[in-house]
Amino acid sequence: MINKSENEGGFITHLTELRKRLIHSFIFLFIFFIGCYFFSEHLYGFLVEPFANAVKESGLERRLIFTALQETFLTYLKVSFFAAFFVTCPFILVQIWKFIAPGLYKHEKIAIIPYLILTPILFFLGGILVYYLIMPLAIKFFLSFESSGLSTGLPIQLEAKVNEYLSLVMKLIFAFGISFQLPVVLSLLARVGIVDAKFLKDRRKYVVVMIFAAAALLTPPDPITQIGLAIPLLILYELSIFSVNIIEKKNNKDA
């Protein structure tokens, strides 16, 4: 009976601790969301810069339009939340760490800390790749289908919507950021013994197909963004095999 009461007390304590960590994360996210909203126009300008730079070469006057009264306001809200989440991700990871750390041994803590540091770095690298390389190339690719109307009698010219453009940019940044967590996931699976280097090498040809299929699902239906996501993931997969191999050697040495 005592053991049962102790177990219930420990479970309630863990739930209370989890609740506290979640509340702290939401408060931190909300504060940054409010702060980001005051700078939402600047954030919008930052996210729209790849489009502005890519269309300068066309020599035509360009604009982003909105077709609903509330569209721009809702877009600013989405941009503010996206930026706030991007900034608070490290804080959320710290809260997760503080929740699980008391139940870990010292060597387990040492093993997990590099992954907590690497996760936001890889997400940030994915976002940089989208912003500085993938989006400019994709925009130029889509603009290449414009027509002056000499053969059809009517010109075909892009008038992008604010909401659709920014949703595309944020979707790509999120997709690349999540996909770049591949080395972290595979390394953690290797540490718990679910996968090993031989397993990853033997299934490389299947993984190539899966990566290109995932790239097709996570990105717009154009070759630029799909290849732009697939190639870095293939490189990260090879780096994952290398890191898993190192983990195996270390585990064998410790054993």
C-alpha atoms as a PDB file:
ATOM      1  CA  MET A   1       0.000   0.000   0.000  1.00  0.00           C
ATOM      2  CA  ILE A   2       2.861   2.347   0.841  1.00  0.00           C
ATOM      3  CA  ASN A   3       4.609   1.544  -2.425  1.00  0.00           C
ATOM      4  CA  LYS A   4       1.406   2.277  -4.329  1.00  0.00           C
ATOM      5  CA  SER A   5       1.036   5.647  -2.591  1.00  0.00           C
ATOM      6  CA  GLU A   6       4.682   6.462  -3.301  1.00  0.00           C
ATOM      7  CA  ASN A   7       4.219   5.585  -6.971  1.00  0.00           C
ATOM      8  CA  GLU A   8       1.105   7.736  -7.216  1.00  0.00           C
ATOM      9  CA  GLY A   9       2.885  10.582  -5.462  1.00  0.00           C
ATOM     10  CA  GLY A  10       5.861  10.311  -7.822  1.00  0.00           C
ATOM     11  CA  PHE A  11       3.567  10.249 -10.860  1.00  0.00           C
ATOM     12  CA  ILE A  12       1.706  13.355  -9.683  1.00  0.00           C
ATOM     13  CA  THR A  13       5.034  15.074  -9.008  1.00  0.00           C
ATOM     14  CA  HIS A  14       6.168  14.347 -12.562  1.00  0.00           C
ATOM     15  CA  LEU A  15       2.887  15.635 -13.987  1.00  0.00           C
ATOM     16  CA  THR A  16       3.207  18.808 -11.909  1.00  0.00           C
ATOM     17  CA  GLU A  17       6.770  19.306 -13.121  1.00  0.00           C
ATOM     18  CA  LEU A  18       5.718  18.722 -16.755  1.00  0.00           C
ATOM     19  CA  ARG A  19       2.838  21.173 -16.355  1.00  0.00           C
ATOM     20  CA  LYS A  20       5.204  23.809 -14.967  1.00  0.00           C
ATOM     21  CA  ARG A  21       7.640  23.355 -17.846  1.00  0.00           C
ATOM     22  CA  LEU A  22       4.845  23.577 -20.438  1.00  0.00           C
ATOM     23  CA  ILE A  23       3.433  26.734 -18.831  1.00  0.00           C
ATOM     24  CA  HIS A  24       6.880  28.345 -18.833  1.00  0.00           C
ATOM     25  CA  SER A  25       7.311  27.449 -22.515  1.00  0.00           C
ATOM     26  CA  PHE A  26       3.894  28.856 -23.495  1.00  0.00           C
ATOM     27  CA  ILE A  27       4.480  32.068 -21.512  1.00  0.00           C
ATOM     28  CA  PHE A  28       7.890  32.533 -23.139  1.00  0.00           C
ATOM     29  CA  LEU A  29       6.368  31.833 -26.581  1.00  0.00           C
ATOM     30  CA  PHE A  30       3.484  34.256 -25.963  1.00  0.00           C
ATOM     31  CA  ILE A  31       5.821  37.056 -24.816  1.00  0.00           C
ATOM     32  CA  PHE A  32       7.968  36.664 -27.904  1.00  0.00           C
ATOM     33  CA  PHE A  33       4.853  36.455 -30.092  1.00  0.00           C
ATOM     34  CA  ILE A  34       3.688  39.843 -28.787  1.00  0.00           C
ATOM     35  CA  GLY A  35       7.174  41.276 -29.277  1.00  0.00           C
ATOM     36  CA  CYS A  36       7.442  39.862 -32.795  1.00  0.00           C
ATOM     37  CA  TYR A  37       4.055  41.301 -33.747  1.00  0.00           C
ATOM     38  CA  PHE A  38       5.352  44.837 -33.162  1.00  0.00           C
ATOM     39  CA  PHE A  39       8.115  44.029 -35.663  1.00  0.00           C
ATOM     40  CA  SER A  40       5.900  41.986 -37.983  1.00  0.00           C
ATOM     41  CA  GLU A  41       6.323  44.428 -40.871  1.00  0.00           C
ATOM     42  CA  HIS A  42      10.112  44.139 -40.618  1.00  0.00           C
ATOM     43  CA  LEU A  43       9.838  40.333 -40.413  1.00  0.00           C
ATOM     44  CA  TYR A  44       7.581  40.419 -43.453  1.00  0.00           C
ATOM     45  CA  GLY A  45      10.179  42.516 -45.281  1.00  0.00           C
ATOM     46  CA  PHE A  46      12.901  40.031 -44.362  1.00  0.00           C
ATOM     47  CA  LEU A  47      10.908  37.026 -45.609  1.00  0.00           C
ATOM     48  CA  VAL A  48       9.857  38.766 -48.827  1.00  0.00           C
ATOM     49  CA  GLU A  49      13.417  39.874 -49.672  1.00  0.00           C
ATOM     50  CA  PRO A  50      14.266  36.723 -51.717  1.00  0.00           C
ATOM     51  CA  PHE A  51      11.239  37.458 -53.917  1.00  0.00           C
ATOM     52  CA  ALA A  52      12.151  41.142 -54.240  1.00  0.00           C
ATOM     53  CA  ASN A  53      15.748  40.339 -55.196  1.00  0.00           C
ATOM     54  CA  ALA A  54      14.757  37.612 -57.660  1.00  0.00           C
ATOM     55  CA  VAL A  55      12.248  39.770 -59.556  1.00  0.00           C
ATOM     56  CA  LYS A  56      14.539  42.790 -59.931  1.00  0.00           C
ATOM     57  CA  GLU A  57      16.156  41.140 -62.943  1.00  0.00           C
ATOM     58  CA  SER A  58      12.860  41.008 -64.859  1.00  0.00           C
ATOM     59  CA  GLY A  59      12.730  44.797 -65.188  1.00  0.00           C
ATOM     60  CA  LEU A  60       8.971  44.824 -64.509  1.00  0.00           C
ATOM     61  CA  GLU A  61       7.158  46.465 -61.645  1.00  0.00           C
ATOM     62  CA  ARG A  62       6.225  43.835 -59.085  1.00  0.00           C
ATOM     63  CA  ARG A  63       3.883  43.747 -56.135  1.00  0.00           C
ATOM     64  CA  LEU A  64       2.332  41.324 -53.675  1.00  0.00           C
ATOM     65  CA  ILE A  65      -1.442  41.531 -53.452  1.00  0.00           C
ATOM     66  CA  PHE A  66      -4.118  40.475 -50.980  1.00  0.00           C
ATOM     67  CA  THR A  67      -7.721  39.683 -51.921  1.00  0.00           C
ATOM     68  CA  ALA A  68      -9.401  39.603 -48.507  1.00  0.00           C
ATOM     69  CA  LEU A  69      -9.673  42.407 -45.976  1.00  0.00           C
ATOM     70  CA  GLN A  70      -8.229  40.325 -43.146  1.00  0.00           C
ATOM     71  CA  GLU A  71      -5.532  38.569 -45.196  1.00  0.00           C
ATOM     72  CA  THR A  72      -2.617  40.889 -44.411  1.00  0.00           C
ATOM     73  CA  PHE A  73      -3.500  41.035 -40.713  1.00  0.00           C
ATOM     74  CA  LEU A  74      -3.665  37.233 -40.454  1.00  0.00           C
ATOM     75  CA  THR A  75      -0.426  36.978 -42.405  1.00  0.00           C
ATOM     76  CA  TYR A  76       1.312  39.261 -39.917  1.00  0.00           C
ATOM     77  CA  LEU A  77      -0.015  37.064 -37.094  1.00  0.00           C
ATOM     78  CA  LYS A  78       1.373  33.944 -38.771  1.00  0.00           C
ATOM     79  CA  VAL A  79       4.726  35.586 -39.407  1.00  0.00           C
ATOM     80  CA  SER A  80       4.911  36.741 -35.767  1.00  0.00           C
ATOM     81  CA  PHE A  81       4.070  33.283 -34.424  1.00  0.00           C
ATOM     82  CA  PHE A  82       6.550  31.622 -36.781  1.00  0.00           C
ATOM     83  CA  ALA A  83       9.353  33.980 -35.724  1.00  0.00           C
ATOM     84  CA  ALA A  84       8.452  33.581 -32.035  1.00  0.00           C
ATOM     85  CA  PHE A  85       8.491  29.792 -32.312  1.00  0.00           C
ATOM     86  CA  PHE A  86      11.802  29.916 -34.166  1.00  0.00           C
ATOM     87  CA  VAL A  87      13.353  32.025 -31.385  1.00  0.00           C
ATOM     88  CA  THR A  88      11.849  30.077 -28.460  1.00  0.00           C
ATOM     89  CA  CYS A  89      12.808  26.602 -29.753  1.00  0.00           C
ATOM     90  CA  PRO A  90      16.104  26.588 -27.782  1.00  0.00           C
ATOM     91  CA  PHE A  91      14.226  27.632 -24.622  1.00  0.00           C
ATOM     92  CA  ILE A  92      11.663  24.844 -25.153  1.00  0.00           C
ATOM     93  CA  LEU A  93      14.504  22.340 -25.581  1.00  0.00           C
ATOM     94  CA  VAL A  94      16.031  23.586 -22.319  1.00  0.00           C
ATOM     95  CA  GLN A  95      12.697  23.034 -20.552  1.00  0.00           C
ATOM     96  CA  ILE A  96      12.533  19.489 -21.955  1.00  0.00           C
ATOM     97  CA  TRP A  97      16.082  18.926 -20.760  1.00  0.00           C
ATOM     98  CA  LYS A  98      15.276  20.175 -17.255  1.00  0.00           C
ATOM     99  CA  PHE A  99      12.313  17.804 -17.127  1.00  0.00           C
ATOM    100  CA  ILE A 100      14.168  14.641 -18.174  1.00  0.00           C
ATOM    101  CA  ALA A 101      17.626  15.393 -16.702  1.00  0.00           C
ATOM    102  CA  PRO A 102      16.826  14.410 -13.073  1.00  0.00           C
ATOM    103  CA  GLY A 103      15.993  10.875 -14.204  1.00  0.00           C
ATOM    104  CA  LEU A 104      19.239  10.358 -16.135  1.00  0.00           C
ATOM    105  CA  TYR A 105      22.629   9.084 -15.083  1.00  0.00           C
ATOM    106  CA  LYS A 106      25.645  11.327 -15.498  1.00  0.00           C
ATOM    107  CA  HIS A 107      26.926   9.540 -18.609  1.00  0.00           C
ATOM    108  CA  GLU A 108      23.444   9.706 -20.157  1.00  0.00           C
ATOM    109  CA  LYS A 109      23.313  13.462 -19.583  1.00  0.00           C
ATOM    110  CA  ILE A 110      26.700  13.865 -21.236  1.00  0.00           C
ATOM    111  CA  ALA A 111      25.488  11.819 -24.210  1.00  0.00           C
ATOM    112  CA  ILE A 112      22.269  13.836 -24.744  1.00  0.00           C
ATOM    113  CA  ILE A 113      23.619  17.390 -24.360  1.00  0.00           C
ATOM    114  CA  PRO A 114      25.307  17.436 -27.841  1.00  0.00           C
ATOM    115  CA  TYR A 115      21.973  16.525 -29.459  1.00  0.00           C
ATOM    116  CA  LEU A 116      20.183  19.356 -27.663  1.00  0.00           C
ATOM    117  CA  ILE A 117      22.792  21.758 -29.030  1.00  0.00           C
ATOM    118  CA  LEU A 118      22.836  20.226 -32.512  1.00  0.00           C
ATOM    119  CA  THR A 119      19.040  20.215 -32.989  1.00  0.00           C
ATOM    120  CA  PRO A 120      18.490  24.016 -33.229  1.00  0.00           C
ATOM    121  CA  ILE A 121      21.729  24.431 -35.195  1.00  0.00           C
ATOM    122  CA  LEU A 122      20.582  21.965 -37.869  1.00  0.00           C
ATOM    123  CA  PHE A 123      17.128  23.573 -37.970  1.00  0.00           C
ATOM    124  CA  PHE A 124      18.772  26.966 -38.447  1.00  0.00           C
ATOM    125  CA  LEU A 125      20.998  25.606 -41.243  1.00  0.00           C
ATOM    126  CA  GLY A 126      17.920  24.238 -43.017  1.00  0.00           C
ATOM    127  CA  GLY A 127      16.282  27.659 -42.818  1.00  0.00           C
ATOM    128  CA  ILE A 128      19.406  29.380 -44.164  1.00  0.00           C
ATOM    129  CA  LEU A 129      19.531  26.979 -47.113  1.00  0.00           C
ATOM    130  CA  VAL A 130      15.910  27.779 -47.993  1.00  0.00           C
ATOM    131  CA  TYR A 131      16.267  31.531 -47.617  1.00  0.00           C
ATOM    132  CA  TYR A 132      19.546  32.097 -49.445  1.00  0.00           C
ATOM    133  CA  LEU A 133      19.551  29.337 -52.079  1.00  0.00           C
ATOM    134  CA  ILE A 134      16.337  27.377 -52.616  1.00  0.00           C
ATOM    135  CA  MET A 135      13.808  30.236 -52.657  1.00  0.00           C
ATOM    136  CA  PRO A 136      15.735  32.495 -55.100  1.00  0.00           C
ATOM    137  CA  LEU A 137      16.241  29.565 -57.493  1.00  0.00           C
ATOM    138  CA  ALA A 138      12.601  28.450 -57.181  1.00  0.00           C
ATOM    139  CA  ILE A 139      11.266  31.979 -57.758  1.00  0.00           C
ATOM    140  CA  LYS A 140      13.376  32.407 -60.894  1.00  0.00           C
ATOM    141  CA  PHE A 141      12.197  28.991 -62.100  1.00  0.00           C
ATOM    142  CA  PHE A 142       8.516  29.918 -61.654  1.00  0.00           C
ATOM    143  CA  LEU A 143       9.000  33.352 -63.234  1.00  0.00           C
ATOM    144  CA  SER A 144      10.496  31.700 -66.315  1.00  0.00           C
ATOM    145  CA  PHE A 145       6.966  30.598 -67.255  1.00  0.00           C
ATOM    146  CA  GLU A 146       5.770  34.164 -67.653  1.00  0.00           C
ATOM    147  CA  SER A 147       4.847  35.228 -71.170  1.00  0.00           C
ATOM    148  CA  SER A 148       4.756  38.603 -72.914  1.00  0.00           C
ATOM    149  CA  GLY A 149       1.651  37.548 -74.814  1.00  0.00           C
ATOM    150  CA  LEU A 150       3.084  37.757 -78.337  1.00  0.00           C
ATOM    151  CA  SER A 151       1.762  34.320 -79.276  1.00  0.00           C
ATOM    152  CA  THR A 152      -1.391  34.238 -77.144  1.00  0.00           C
ATOM    153  CA  GLY A 153      -2.470  37.874 -77.291  1.00  0.00           C
ATOM    154  CA  LEU A 154      -2.583  38.085 -73.493  1.00  0.00           C
ATOM    155  CA  PRO A 155       0.469  38.427 -71.260  1.00  0.00           C
ATOM    156  CA  ILE A 156       0.987  35.955 -68.420  1.00  0.00           C
ATOM    157  CA  GLN A 157       2.442  37.729 -65.413  1.00  0.00           C
ATOM    158  CA  LEU A 158       2.750  36.749 -61.768  1.00  0.00           C
ATOM    159  CA  GLU A 159       0.824  38.688 -59.138  1.00  0.00           C
ATOM    160  CA  ALA A 160       1.605  36.710 -56.003  1.00  0.00           C
ATOM    161  CA  LYS A 161      -0.629  36.870 -52.940  1.00  0.00           C
ATOM    162  CA  VAL A 162       0.936  37.944 -49.658  1.00  0.00           C
ATOM    163  CA  ASN A 163      -0.514  35.020 -47.699  1.00  0.00           C
ATOM    164  CA  GLU A 164       0.363  32.365 -50.271  1.00  0.00           C
ATOM    165  CA  TYR A 165       3.944  33.548 -50.724  1.00  0.00           C
ATOM    166  CA  LEU A 166       4.735  33.804 -47.010  1.00  0.00           C
ATOM    167  CA  SER A 167       2.986  30.497 -46.292  1.00  0.00           C
ATOM    168  CA  LEU A 168       5.221  28.879 -48.921  1.00  0.00           C
ATOM    169  CA  VAL A 169       8.387  30.376 -47.414  1.00  0.00           C
ATOM    170  CA  MET A 170       7.451  29.356 -43.858  1.00  0.00           C
ATOM    171  CA  LYS A 171       6.417  25.872 -44.995  1.00  0.00           C
ATOM    172  CA  LEU A 172       9.750  25.357 -46.749  1.00  0.00           C
ATOM    173  CA  ILE A 173      11.776  26.640 -43.782  1.00  0.00           C
ATOM    174  CA  PHE A 174       9.864  24.343 -41.434  1.00  0.00           C
ATOM    175  CA  ALA A 175      10.151  21.354 -43.809  1.00  0.00           C
ATOM    176  CA  PHE A 176      13.898  21.816 -44.288  1.00  0.00           C
ATOM    177  CA  GLY A 177      14.462  22.451 -40.579  1.00  0.00           C
ATOM    178  CA  ILE A 178      12.641  19.270 -39.551  1.00  0.00           C
ATOM    179  CA  SER A 179      14.263  17.206 -42.309  1.00  0.00           C
ATOM    180  CA  PHE A 180      17.712  18.339 -41.216  1.00  0.00           C
ATOM    181  CA  GLN A 181      17.141  16.544 -37.895  1.00  0.00           C
ATOM    182  CA  LEU A 182      17.864  13.240 -39.678  1.00  0.00           C
ATOM    183  CA  PRO A 183      21.395  12.807 -38.212  1.00  0.00           C
ATOM    184  CA  VAL A 184      20.081  13.502 -34.699  1.00  0.00           C
ATOM    185  CA  VAL A 185      17.296  10.922 -35.007  1.00  0.00           C
ATOM    186  CA  LEU A 186      19.522   8.208 -36.499  1.00  0.00           C
ATOM    187  CA  SER A 187      22.283   8.812 -33.953  1.00  0.00           C
ATOM    188  CA  LEU A 188      19.820   8.515 -31.067  1.00  0.00           C
ATOM    189  CA  LEU A 189      18.405   5.306 -32.555  1.00  0.00           C
ATOM    190  CA  ALA A 190      21.960   3.971 -32.812  1.00  0.00           C
ATOM    191  CA  ARG A 191      22.631   4.793 -29.154  1.00  0.00           C
ATOM    192  CA  VAL A 192      19.651   2.737 -28.006  1.00  0.00           C
ATOM    193  CA  GLY A 193      20.594  -0.129 -30.329  1.00  0.00           C
ATOM    194  CA  ILE A 194      17.711   0.075 -32.811  1.00  0.00           C
ATOM    195  CA  VAL A 195      19.913   0.715 -35.877  1.00  0.00           C
ATOM    196  CA  ASP A 196      23.573   0.284 -36.728  1.00  0.00           C
ATOM    197  CA  ALA A 197      25.900   1.363 -39.535  1.00  0.00           C
ATOM    198  CA  LYS A 198      25.493  -1.907 -41.451  1.00  0.00           C
ATOM    199  CA  PHE A 199      21.693  -1.594 -41.290  1.00  0.00           C
ATOM    200  CA  LEU A 200      21.856   1.942 -42.711  1.00  0.00           C
ATOM    201  CA  LYS A 201      24.322   0.983 -45.460  1.00  0.00           C
ATOM    202  CA  ASP A 202      22.313  -2.051 -46.582  1.00  0.00           C
ATOM    203  CA  ARG A 203      19.129   0.031 -46.918  1.00  0.00           C
ATOM    204  CA  ARG A 204      20.717   3.003 -48.635  1.00  0.00           C
ATOM    205  CA  LYS A 205      18.935   2.398 -51.977  1.00  0.00           C
ATOM    206  CA  TYR A 206      15.533   2.286 -50.262  1.00  0.00           C
ATOM    207  CA  VAL A 207      16.336   5.420 -48.297  1.00  0.00           C
ATOM    208  CA  VAL A 208      17.175   7.302 -51.512  1.00  0.00           C
ATOM    209  CA  VAL A 209      13.689   6.544 -52.846  1.00  0.00           C
ATOM    210  CA  MET A 210      12.092   7.492 -49.513  1.00  0.00           C
ATOM    211  CA  ILE A 211      14.008  10.780 -49.358  1.00  0.00           C
ATOM    212  CA  PHE A 212      12.907  11.837 -52.837  1.00  0.00           C
ATOM    213  CA  ALA A 213       9.328  10.791 -52.024  1.00  0.00           C
ATOM    214  CA  ALA A 214       9.425  12.839 -48.797  1.00  0.00           C
ATOM    215  CA  ALA A 215      10.890  15.807 -50.687  1.00  0.00           C
ATOM    216  CA  ALA A 216       8.033  15.600 -53.190  1.00  0.00           C
ATOM    217  CA  LEU A 217       5.471  15.638 -50.361  1.00  0.00           C
ATOM    218  CA  LEU A 218       7.072  18.409 -48.281  1.00  0.00           C
ATOM    219  CA  THR A 219       7.817  20.849 -51.090  1.00  0.00           C
ATOM    220  CA  PRO A 220       5.889  22.427 -53.991  1.00  0.00           C
ATOM    221  CA  PRO A 221       5.658  20.389 -57.201  1.00  0.00           C
ATOM    222  CA  ASP A 222       8.781  21.787 -58.826  1.00  0.00           C
ATOM    223  CA  PRO A 223      12.205  20.178 -59.356  1.00  0.00           C
ATOM    224  CA  ILE A 224      14.195  23.025 -57.735  1.00  0.00           C
ATOM    225  CA  THR A 225      12.830  22.704 -54.197  1.00  0.00           C
ATOM    226  CA  GLN A 226      12.502  18.909 -54.382  1.00  0.00           C
ATOM    227  CA  ILE A 227      16.102  18.382 -55.464  1.00  0.00           C
ATOM    228  CA  GLY A 228      17.184  21.165 -53.102  1.00  0.00           C
ATOM    229  CA  LEU A 229      15.761  19.193 -50.172  1.00  0.00           C
ATOM    230  CA  ALA A 230      16.672  15.687 -51.369  1.00  0.00           C
ATOM    231  CA  ILE A 231      20.382  16.292 -51.999  1.00  0.00           C
ATOM    232  CA  PRO A 232      21.156  17.758 -48.529  1.00  0.00           C
ATOM    233  CA  LEU A 233      19.186  14.899 -46.946  1.00  0.00           C
ATOM    234  CA  LEU A 234      21.249  12.346 -48.862  1.00  0.00           C
ATOM    235  CA  ILE A 235      24.423  14.066 -47.644  1.00  0.00           C
ATOM    236  CA  LEU A 236      23.080  14.118 -44.080  1.00  0.00           C
ATOM    237  CA  TYR A 237      22.219  10.415 -44.364  1.00  0.00           C
ATOM    238  CA  GLU A 238      25.806   9.607 -45.322  1.00  0.00           C
ATOM    239  CA  LEU A 239      27.042  11.741 -42.423  1.00  0.00           C
ATOM    240  CA  SER A 240      24.627   9.856 -40.168  1.00  0.00           C
ATOM    241  CA  ILE A 241      26.193   6.553 -41.194  1.00  0.00           C
ATOM    242  CA  PHE A 242      29.592   8.000 -40.325  1.00  0.00           C
ATOM    243  CA  SER A 243      28.398   9.230 -36.905  1.00  0.00           C
ATOM    244  CA  VAL A 244      26.621   5.939 -36.162  1.00  0.00           C
ATOM    245  CA  ASN A 245      29.848   4.100 -36.975  1.00  0.00           C
ATOM    246  CA  ILE A 246      31.708   6.270 -34.444  1.00  0.00           C
ATOM    247  CA  ILE A 247      29.008   5.609 -31.827  1.00  0.00           C
ATOM    248  CA  GLU A 248      29.310   1.850 -32.390  1.00  0.00           C
ATOM    249  CA  LYS A 249      33.087   1.917 -31.973  1.00  0.00           C
ATOM    250  CA  LYS A 250      32.730   3.922 -28.772  1.00  0.00           C
ATOM    251  CA  ASN A 251      30.074   1.527 -27.416  1.00  0.00           C
ATOM    252  CA  ASN A 252      32.259  -1.466 -28.227  1.00  0.00           C
ATOM    253  CA  LYS A 253      35.212   0.203 -26.537  1.00  0.00           C
ATOM    254  CA  ASP A 254      33.140   0.928 -23.407  1.00  0.00           C
ATOM    255  CA  ALA A 255      31.842  -2.623 -23.392  1.00  0.00           C
END
